Amino acid sequence: MSESKDSPASSSASDDLGRLRAFSRSLPMALLKAREEVMAGFRPNLRAHSLTEQQWRALKALAQHDEMRAGQLARASLISMPSLTRILRTLEAQGLIRRRAEERDQRAALLSLTPAGHALVVAVSSGAELRYDQIAQAFGAERLEQLHLLLDELSRSLGK
């Protein structure tokens, strides 16, 4: 026998759904949507340089440091270690990064950009800056800076 719409089980399920946050007000969804809109403007530049988003994040993070261990790079670029291991193999085979043993711990490798890797970061960055200028013009430079500050604050307040 099926339950009517007015039965307690049906009413309870409906009440539960009524308490759900509206999909349009879901913070994870809003962040994903904004990320996709932002990245859509960066992807053509990355494709023009034959880079994936993750490869670019790894190269950009390495460009900010002289050398890094893989674990540091994974945290800085928000790439899982298994994915990063594959990415590093590819970037090394392309001559964009190099590894060297750490003096204090020969088991640990330090990663850095090669001159070719550095040149690629400079080339990709010039295209990326054009996109940043477009975003700042569309959204407002001041609001963009405020957004960066708010997102940093949100991350810190959630323990990241």
Protein backbone atom coordinates (compact mmCIF):
# COMPACT_ATOMS: atom_id res chain seq x y z
CA MET A 1 0.00 0.00 0.00
CA SER A 2 1.47 3.39 -0.95
CA GLU A 3 1.56 6.32 1.42
CA SER A 4 -0.52 9.38 0.74
CA LYS A 5 1.01 12.84 0.52
CA ASP A 6 -0.45 13.61 3.90
CA SER A 7 1.07 10.62 5.65
CA PRO A 8 3.65 11.23 8.40
CA ALA A 9 6.52 9.70 6.39
CA SER A 10 5.79 11.89 3.36
CA SER A 11 5.38 14.99 5.48
CA SER A 12 8.66 14.38 7.28
CA ALA A 13 10.60 14.00 4.03
CA SER A 14 9.05 17.19 2.71
CA ASP A 15 9.92 19.03 5.92
CA ASP A 16 13.53 17.80 5.71
CA LEU A 17 13.81 19.12 2.16
CA GLY A 18 12.31 22.43 3.23
CA ARG A 19 15.20 22.92 5.64
CA LEU A 20 17.87 22.37 2.98
CA ARG A 21 19.80 25.41 1.89
CA ALA A 22 18.77 26.48 -1.61
CA PHE A 23 21.09 25.05 -4.25
CA SER A 24 21.67 28.58 -5.55
CA ARG A 25 23.00 29.55 -2.08
CA SER A 26 25.39 26.61 -1.72
CA LEU A 27 28.85 27.99 -0.98
CA PRO A 28 30.70 25.02 -2.54
CA MET A 29 28.62 25.40 -5.71
CA ALA A 30 29.11 29.17 -5.83
CA LEU A 31 32.87 28.71 -5.45
CA LEU A 32 32.94 26.01 -8.15
CA LYS A 33 30.91 28.18 -10.52
CA ALA A 34 33.18 31.18 -9.95
CA ARG A 35 36.27 28.99 -10.39
CA GLU A 36 34.97 27.68 -13.70
CA GLU A 37 34.14 31.18 -14.94
CA VAL A 38 37.59 32.45 -13.93
CA MET A 39 39.48 29.45 -15.31
CA ALA A 40 37.62 29.60 -18.64
CA GLY A 41 39.57 32.76 -19.37
CA PHE A 42 42.92 31.28 -18.37
CA ARG A 43 42.64 27.94 -20.20
CA PRO A 44 43.31 29.21 -23.74
CA ASN A 45 46.65 30.64 -22.59
CA LEU A 46 47.55 27.38 -20.88
CA ARG A 47 46.53 25.36 -23.96
CA ALA A 48 48.62 27.65 -26.17
CA HIS A 49 51.63 26.63 -24.07
CA SER A 50 50.60 22.95 -23.92
CA LEU A 51 50.06 23.04 -20.15
CA THR A 52 47.39 21.58 -17.93
CA GLU A 53 46.04 23.58 -15.01
CA GLN A 54 47.88 21.35 -12.53
CA GLN A 55 51.17 21.57 -14.44
CA TRP A 56 50.84 25.34 -14.42
CA ARG A 57 50.14 25.41 -10.66
CA ALA A 58 53.24 23.31 -10.03
CA LEU A 59 55.45 25.48 -12.26
CA LYS A 60 54.07 28.70 -10.78
CA ALA A 61 54.65 27.47 -7.22
CA LEU A 62 58.22 26.46 -8.09
CA ALA A 63 58.79 29.89 -9.64
CA GLN A 64 58.00 31.45 -6.27
CA HIS A 65 60.76 29.45 -4.53
CA ASP A 66 64.32 28.52 -5.34
CA GLU A 67 63.78 24.88 -4.46
CA MET A 68 61.07 22.81 -2.84
CA ARG A 69 60.51 19.26 -1.72
CA ALA A 70 57.65 17.44 -3.43
CA GLY A 71 55.50 17.56 -0.27
CA GLN A 72 55.94 21.31 -0.02
CA LEU A 73 55.07 21.69 -3.68
CA ALA A 74 51.97 19.51 -3.27
CA ARG A 75 50.72 21.70 -0.42
CA ALA A 76 51.57 24.96 -2.19
CA SER A 77 49.92 23.95 -5.47
CA LEU A 78 46.99 22.04 -3.95
CA ILE A 79 47.84 18.91 -5.92
CA SER A 80 47.65 15.42 -4.42
CA MET A 81 50.96 13.57 -4.16
CA PRO A 82 49.97 10.80 -6.61
CA SER A 83 48.98 13.38 -9.22
CA LEU A 84 52.03 15.49 -8.50
CA THR A 85 54.33 12.50 -8.99
CA ARG A 86 52.95 12.04 -12.53
CA ILE A 87 53.12 15.75 -13.25
CA LEU A 88 56.73 15.98 -12.08
CA ARG A 89 57.76 13.08 -14.32
CA THR A 90 56.22 14.87 -17.30
CA LEU A 91 57.73 18.26 -16.45
CA GLU A 92 61.13 16.70 -15.88
CA ALA A 93 60.98 14.80 -19.20
CA GLN A 94 60.13 18.09 -20.92
CA GLY A 95 63.19 19.72 -19.36
CA LEU A 96 61.14 22.21 -17.34
CA ILE A 97 62.16 21.12 -13.85
CA ARG A 98 65.14 19.37 -12.31
CA ARG A 99 65.64 17.28 -9.18
CA ARG A 100 68.67 17.12 -6.99
CA ALA A 101 69.33 15.20 -3.81
CA GLU A 102 69.12 17.23 -0.63
CA GLU A 103 72.53 17.43 1.03
CA ARG A 104 71.25 16.62 4.53
CA ASP A 105 68.98 13.79 3.40
CA GLN A 106 70.03 12.00 0.22
CA ARG A 107 66.64 10.28 0.05
CA ALA A 108 64.87 13.62 -0.36
CA ALA A 109 64.82 15.44 -3.68
CA LEU A 110 64.70 19.17 -4.13
CA LEU A 111 62.81 20.45 -7.14
CA SER A 112 63.51 23.62 -9.09
CA LEU A 113 62.83 25.18 -12.46
CA THR A 114 65.30 24.82 -15.30
CA PRO A 115 66.03 27.89 -17.46
CA ALA A 116 63.47 26.53 -19.95
CA GLY A 117 60.93 26.16 -17.12
CA HIS A 118 61.60 29.69 -15.97
CA ALA A 119 61.16 31.01 -19.53
CA LEU A 120 57.87 29.15 -19.85
CA VAL A 121 56.59 30.61 -16.57
CA VAL A 122 57.46 34.11 -17.79
CA ALA A 123 55.69 33.50 -21.12
CA VAL A 124 52.55 32.04 -19.54
CA SER A 125 52.49 34.74 -16.86
CA SER A 126 52.34 37.53 -19.42
CA GLY A 127 49.18 36.00 -20.88
CA ALA A 128 47.78 35.37 -17.42
CA GLU A 129 48.31 39.02 -16.47
CA LEU A 130 46.22 40.08 -19.46
CA ARG A 131 43.40 37.90 -18.12
CA TYR A 132 43.82 39.37 -14.63
CA ASP A 133 43.49 42.84 -16.17
CA GLN A 134 40.23 41.76 -17.87
CA ILE A 135 38.90 40.36 -14.59
CA ALA A 136 39.85 43.54 -12.72
CA GLN A 137 38.16 45.64 -15.37
CA ALA A 138 34.97 43.55 -15.32
CA PHE A 139 34.78 43.07 -11.55
CA GLY A 140 36.73 46.08 -10.28
CA ALA A 141 40.33 46.05 -9.06
CA GLU A 142 39.33 47.05 -5.55
CA ARG A 143 36.62 44.39 -5.34
CA LEU A 144 39.06 41.79 -6.72
CA GLU A 145 41.54 42.64 -3.97
CA GLN A 146 38.73 42.48 -1.40
CA LEU A 147 37.71 39.06 -2.77
CA HIS A 148 41.29 37.79 -2.35
CA LEU A 149 41.34 39.03 1.24
CA LEU A 150 37.95 37.50 2.04
CA LEU A 151 38.87 34.13 0.53
CA ASP A 152 42.15 34.11 2.47
CA GLU A 153 40.24 34.95 5.64
CA LEU A 154 37.70 32.21 4.96
CA SER A 155 40.48 29.65 4.47
CA ARG A 156 42.23 30.73 7.67
CA SER A 157 39.02 30.67 9.70
CA LEU A 158 38.27 27.13 8.50
CA GLY A 159 41.71 25.93 9.53
CA LYS A 160 43.59 25.82 6.23
